[in-house]
């Protein structure tokens, strides 16, 4: 794999998550106009299960036929006490909590504490993460830790001790850190740090 940093780095993670959430909530509400707003009119979309290409002109009816019936998700959401609008509030509350309180810096952080400090139940937080955002609690936390570490790296000056920064960001396992880092950046921490050093030298060169 080439030693280059992908364009969609941690700065775009939050925006991507917000778009995915808006699309999910529109889908659950059967808001066809809201769902269509996320598709580009000049792009053809592939349904690999049916082995067909869907153009924008037929995309609306294709999506309408694919949408869940109103009853499909109602029991689950009702049991959790969350409407689609409340799910949106929950997502925002969780995001604000992580941004401002930075609980992920604690390597012992668990779901019970996050739920308590956000004012929701464990099941409600789990539903948002698993069913809406499509990730586990620990993956969500480790991504927040990684974003914190990458922001720190952008300001760091050599020598950079990446393992120390990982522990300072809340990772309690280097294996988990290395795995998360490579999945997110496509690079090993060593290769990423090398790129930072090369950029710094290029900027300092006359």
Protein backbone atom coordinates (compact mmCIF):
# COMPACT_ATOMS: atom_id res chain seq x y z
CA UNK A 1 0.00 0.00 0.00
CA UNK A 2 1.47 3.42 -0.90
CA UNK A 3 2.71 5.57 1.98
CA UNK A 4 0.28 8.42 1.38
CA UNK A 5 -2.35 9.85 3.66
CA UNK A 6 -5.90 9.42 2.27
CA UNK A 7 -7.86 12.60 1.62
CA UNK A 8 -10.73 11.65 3.93
CA UNK A 9 -8.80 11.72 7.19
CA UNK A 10 -10.09 12.35 10.69
CA UNK A 11 -11.29 15.86 9.85
CA UNK A 12 -14.08 14.39 7.76
CA UNK A 13 -15.12 11.59 10.11
CA UNK A 14 -17.62 13.74 12.01
CA UNK A 15 -19.23 15.11 8.82
CA UNK A 16 -19.50 11.61 7.37
CA UNK A 17 -21.16 10.32 10.53
CA UNK A 18 -23.69 13.16 10.45
CA UNK A 19 -24.59 12.42 6.82
CA UNK A 20 -25.01 8.70 7.56
CA UNK A 21 -27.25 9.51 10.51
CA UNK A 22 -29.44 11.91 8.50
CA UNK A 23 -29.81 9.31 5.75
CA UNK A 24 -30.68 6.60 8.29
CA UNK A 25 -33.33 8.72 10.00
CA UNK A 26 -34.90 9.71 6.67
CA UNK A 27 -34.98 6.04 5.71
CA UNK A 28 -36.65 5.03 8.98
CA UNK A 29 -39.28 7.76 8.55
CA UNK A 30 -39.84 6.75 4.92
CA UNK A 31 -38.95 10.33 3.98
CA UNK A 32 -38.29 9.68 0.31
CA UNK A 33 -37.37 13.28 -0.52
CA UNK A 34 -34.90 13.33 2.37
CA UNK A 35 -33.29 10.09 1.19
CA UNK A 36 -33.10 11.29 -2.43
CA UNK A 37 -31.26 14.41 -1.30
CA UNK A 38 -28.25 12.22 -0.50
CA UNK A 39 -27.90 10.93 -4.09
CA UNK A 40 -26.15 12.68 -6.97
CA UNK A 41 -28.18 12.99 -10.21
CA UNK A 42 -25.16 12.31 -12.44
CA UNK A 43 -24.18 9.00 -10.82
CA UNK A 44 -25.46 5.52 -11.60
CA UNK A 45 -25.91 3.20 -8.63
CA UNK A 46 -25.30 -0.54 -8.58
CA UNK A 47 -27.47 -3.14 -6.90
CA UNK A 48 -25.05 -6.05 -6.77
CA UNK A 49 -27.61 -8.40 -5.25
CA UNK A 50 -29.93 -8.01 -8.23
CA UNK A 51 -27.07 -7.47 -10.68
CA UNK A 52 -28.54 -4.25 -12.05
CA UNK A 53 -27.58 -0.62 -12.54
CA UNK A 54 -30.05 1.98 -11.28
CA UNK A 55 -30.04 5.37 -13.00
CA UNK A 56 -31.18 8.50 -11.21
CA UNK A 57 -34.42 8.64 -13.22
CA UNK A 58 -35.57 5.28 -11.80
CA UNK A 59 -33.87 5.64 -8.42
CA UNK A 60 -36.89 7.17 -6.67
CA UNK A 61 -39.19 4.21 -7.36
CA UNK A 62 -36.38 1.77 -6.65
CA UNK A 63 -35.86 3.30 -3.19
CA UNK A 64 -39.58 3.54 -2.50
CA UNK A 65 -39.95 -0.20 -3.13
CA UNK A 66 -36.95 -0.97 -0.91
CA UNK A 67 -38.02 1.08 2.10
CA UNK A 68 -39.22 -0.72 5.25
CA UNK A 69 -42.89 -0.69 6.09
CA UNK A 70 -43.94 1.74 8.80
CA UNK A 71 -44.44 -1.09 11.28
CA UNK A 72 -41.00 -2.62 10.73
CA UNK A 73 -38.98 -0.50 13.15
CA UNK A 74 -41.76 0.92 15.31
CA UNK A 75 -41.70 -1.75 18.07
CA UNK A 76 -37.93 -1.49 18.62
CA UNK A 77 -37.89 2.29 18.76
CA UNK A 78 -40.98 2.31 20.98
CA UNK A 79 -39.40 -0.11 23.48
CA UNK A 80 -36.39 2.17 23.75
CA UNK A 81 -38.53 5.26 24.14
CA UNK A 82 -36.86 7.02 21.21
CA UNK A 83 -38.53 8.60 18.22
CA UNK A 84 -36.44 9.37 15.10
CA UNK A 85 -36.16 12.98 16.28
CA UNK A 86 -35.00 11.84 19.72
CA UNK A 87 -32.42 9.59 18.07
CA UNK A 88 -31.06 12.69 16.38
CA UNK A 89 -30.88 14.48 19.74
CA UNK A 90 -29.14 11.48 21.26
CA UNK A 91 -26.54 11.41 18.49
CA UNK A 92 -25.87 15.11 18.98
CA UNK A 93 -25.68 14.78 22.78
CA UNK A 94 -23.22 11.90 22.50
CA UNK A 95 -21.08 13.79 20.01
CA UNK A 96 -21.02 16.93 22.17
CA UNK A 97 -20.16 14.88 25.25
CA UNK A 98 -17.18 13.28 23.51
CA UNK A 99 -15.98 16.57 22.05
CA UNK A 100 -16.17 18.67 25.19
CA UNK A 101 -15.68 16.19 28.06
CA UNK A 102 -13.19 13.94 26.22
CA UNK A 103 -14.14 10.86 28.29
CA UNK A 104 -12.21 8.63 25.86
CA UNK A 105 -8.95 9.78 27.47
CA UNK A 106 -9.81 7.44 30.34
CA UNK A 107 -8.65 3.94 29.33
CA UNK A 108 -11.26 2.44 31.68
CA UNK A 109 -14.22 4.20 30.01
CA UNK A 110 -17.28 1.95 29.69
CA UNK A 111 -20.79 2.12 28.27
CA UNK A 112 -22.45 2.46 31.68
CA UNK A 113 -20.55 5.65 32.46
CA UNK A 114 -21.23 7.19 29.05
CA UNK A 115 -24.95 6.45 29.35
CA UNK A 116 -25.13 7.89 32.86
CA UNK A 117 -23.25 11.08 32.03
CA UNK A 118 -25.24 11.64 28.81
CA UNK A 119 -28.56 11.03 30.57
CA UNK A 120 -29.65 8.00 28.53
CA UNK A 121 -29.90 4.27 29.15
CA UNK A 122 -27.27 1.74 28.10
CA UNK A 123 -29.75 0.23 25.62
CA UNK A 124 -30.43 3.59 24.01
CA UNK A 125 -26.73 4.33 23.51
CA UNK A 126 -26.15 0.80 22.21
CA UNK A 127 -29.04 1.10 19.76
CA UNK A 128 -27.67 4.36 18.35
CA UNK A 129 -24.17 2.95 17.95
CA UNK A 130 -25.06 -0.53 16.68
CA UNK A 131 -28.20 0.04 14.61
CA UNK A 132 -27.78 3.64 13.43
CA UNK A 133 -24.04 4.25 13.24
CA UNK A 134 -23.17 0.61 12.57
CA UNK A 135 -20.35 0.22 15.07
CA UNK A 136 -19.63 -1.13 18.51
CA UNK A 137 -19.13 1.02 21.59
CA UNK A 138 -15.42 0.25 21.75
CA UNK A 139 -14.88 1.03 18.09
CA UNK A 140 -16.65 4.38 18.55
CA UNK A 141 -14.46 5.17 21.58
CA UNK A 142 -11.24 4.11 19.85
CA UNK A 143 -12.06 6.26 16.83
CA UNK A 144 -12.44 9.25 19.16
CA UNK A 145 -9.09 8.40 20.74
CA UNK A 146 -7.49 8.14 17.32
CA UNK A 147 -8.88 11.50 16.21
CA UNK A 148 -7.44 13.04 19.37
CA UNK A 149 -4.06 11.44 18.69
CA UNK A 150 -3.99 12.54 15.04
CA UNK A 151 -4.79 16.11 16.03
CA UNK A 152 -1.91 15.93 18.52
CA UNK A 153 0.41 14.52 15.86
CA UNK A 154 -0.37 17.41 13.51
CA UNK A 155 1.09 19.80 16.11
CA UNK A 156 3.90 17.57 17.39
CA UNK A 157 7.57 18.21 16.78
CA UNK A 158 10.23 15.49 16.49
CA UNK A 159 11.13 13.26 18.15
CA UNK A 160 7.60 11.85 18.16
CA UNK A 161 6.98 8.98 20.57
CA UNK A 162 3.86 7.48 19.05
CA UNK A 163 3.32 4.80 21.71
CA UNK A 164 3.31 7.40 24.49
CA UNK A 165 0.80 9.49 22.56
CA UNK A 166 -1.41 6.42 22.12
CA UNK A 167 -1.55 5.76 25.85
CA UNK A 168 -2.13 9.47 26.54
CA UNK A 169 -5.11 9.36 24.13
CA UNK A 170 -6.73 6.56 26.16
CA UNK A 171 -5.64 3.42 24.34
CA UNK A 172 -4.86 0.69 26.85
CA UNK A 173 -3.51 -1.75 24.27
CA UNK A 174 -0.91 -1.09 21.58
CA UNK A 175 -2.34 -3.88 19.43
CA UNK A 176 -5.76 -2.19 19.48
CA UNK A 177 -4.10 1.14 18.69
CA UNK A 178 -2.10 -0.21 15.74
CA UNK A 179 -5.17 -1.94 14.31
CA UNK A 180 -7.36 1.16 14.67
CA UNK A 181 -4.64 3.40 13.23
CA UNK A 182 -4.09 1.30 10.12
CA UNK A 183 -7.82 0.83 9.48
CA UNK A 184 -8.38 4.59 9.66
CA UNK A 185 -5.32 5.95 7.82
CA UNK A 186 -4.21 3.02 5.66
CA UNK A 187 -0.73 3.43 7.15
CA UNK A 188 1.27 2.11 10.05
CA UNK A 189 1.97 4.67 12.79
CA UNK A 190 5.66 4.61 11.82
CA UNK A 191 4.89 5.42 8.18
CA UNK A 192 2.48 8.18 9.19
CA UNK A 193 5.05 9.78 11.51
CA UNK A 194 7.64 9.55 8.74
CA UNK A 195 5.35 11.53 6.46
CA UNK A 196 4.95 14.20 9.11
CA UNK A 197 8.73 14.48 9.43
CA UNK A 198 9.14 14.73 5.65
CA UNK A 199 6.50 17.47 5.44
CA UNK A 200 8.18 19.38 8.25
CA UNK A 201 11.53 19.22 6.48
CA UNK A 202 9.98 20.36 3.20
CA UNK A 203 8.41 23.36 4.92
CA UNK A 204 11.69 24.27 6.59
CA UNK A 205 13.68 23.99 3.38
CA UNK A 206 14.62 27.36 1.79
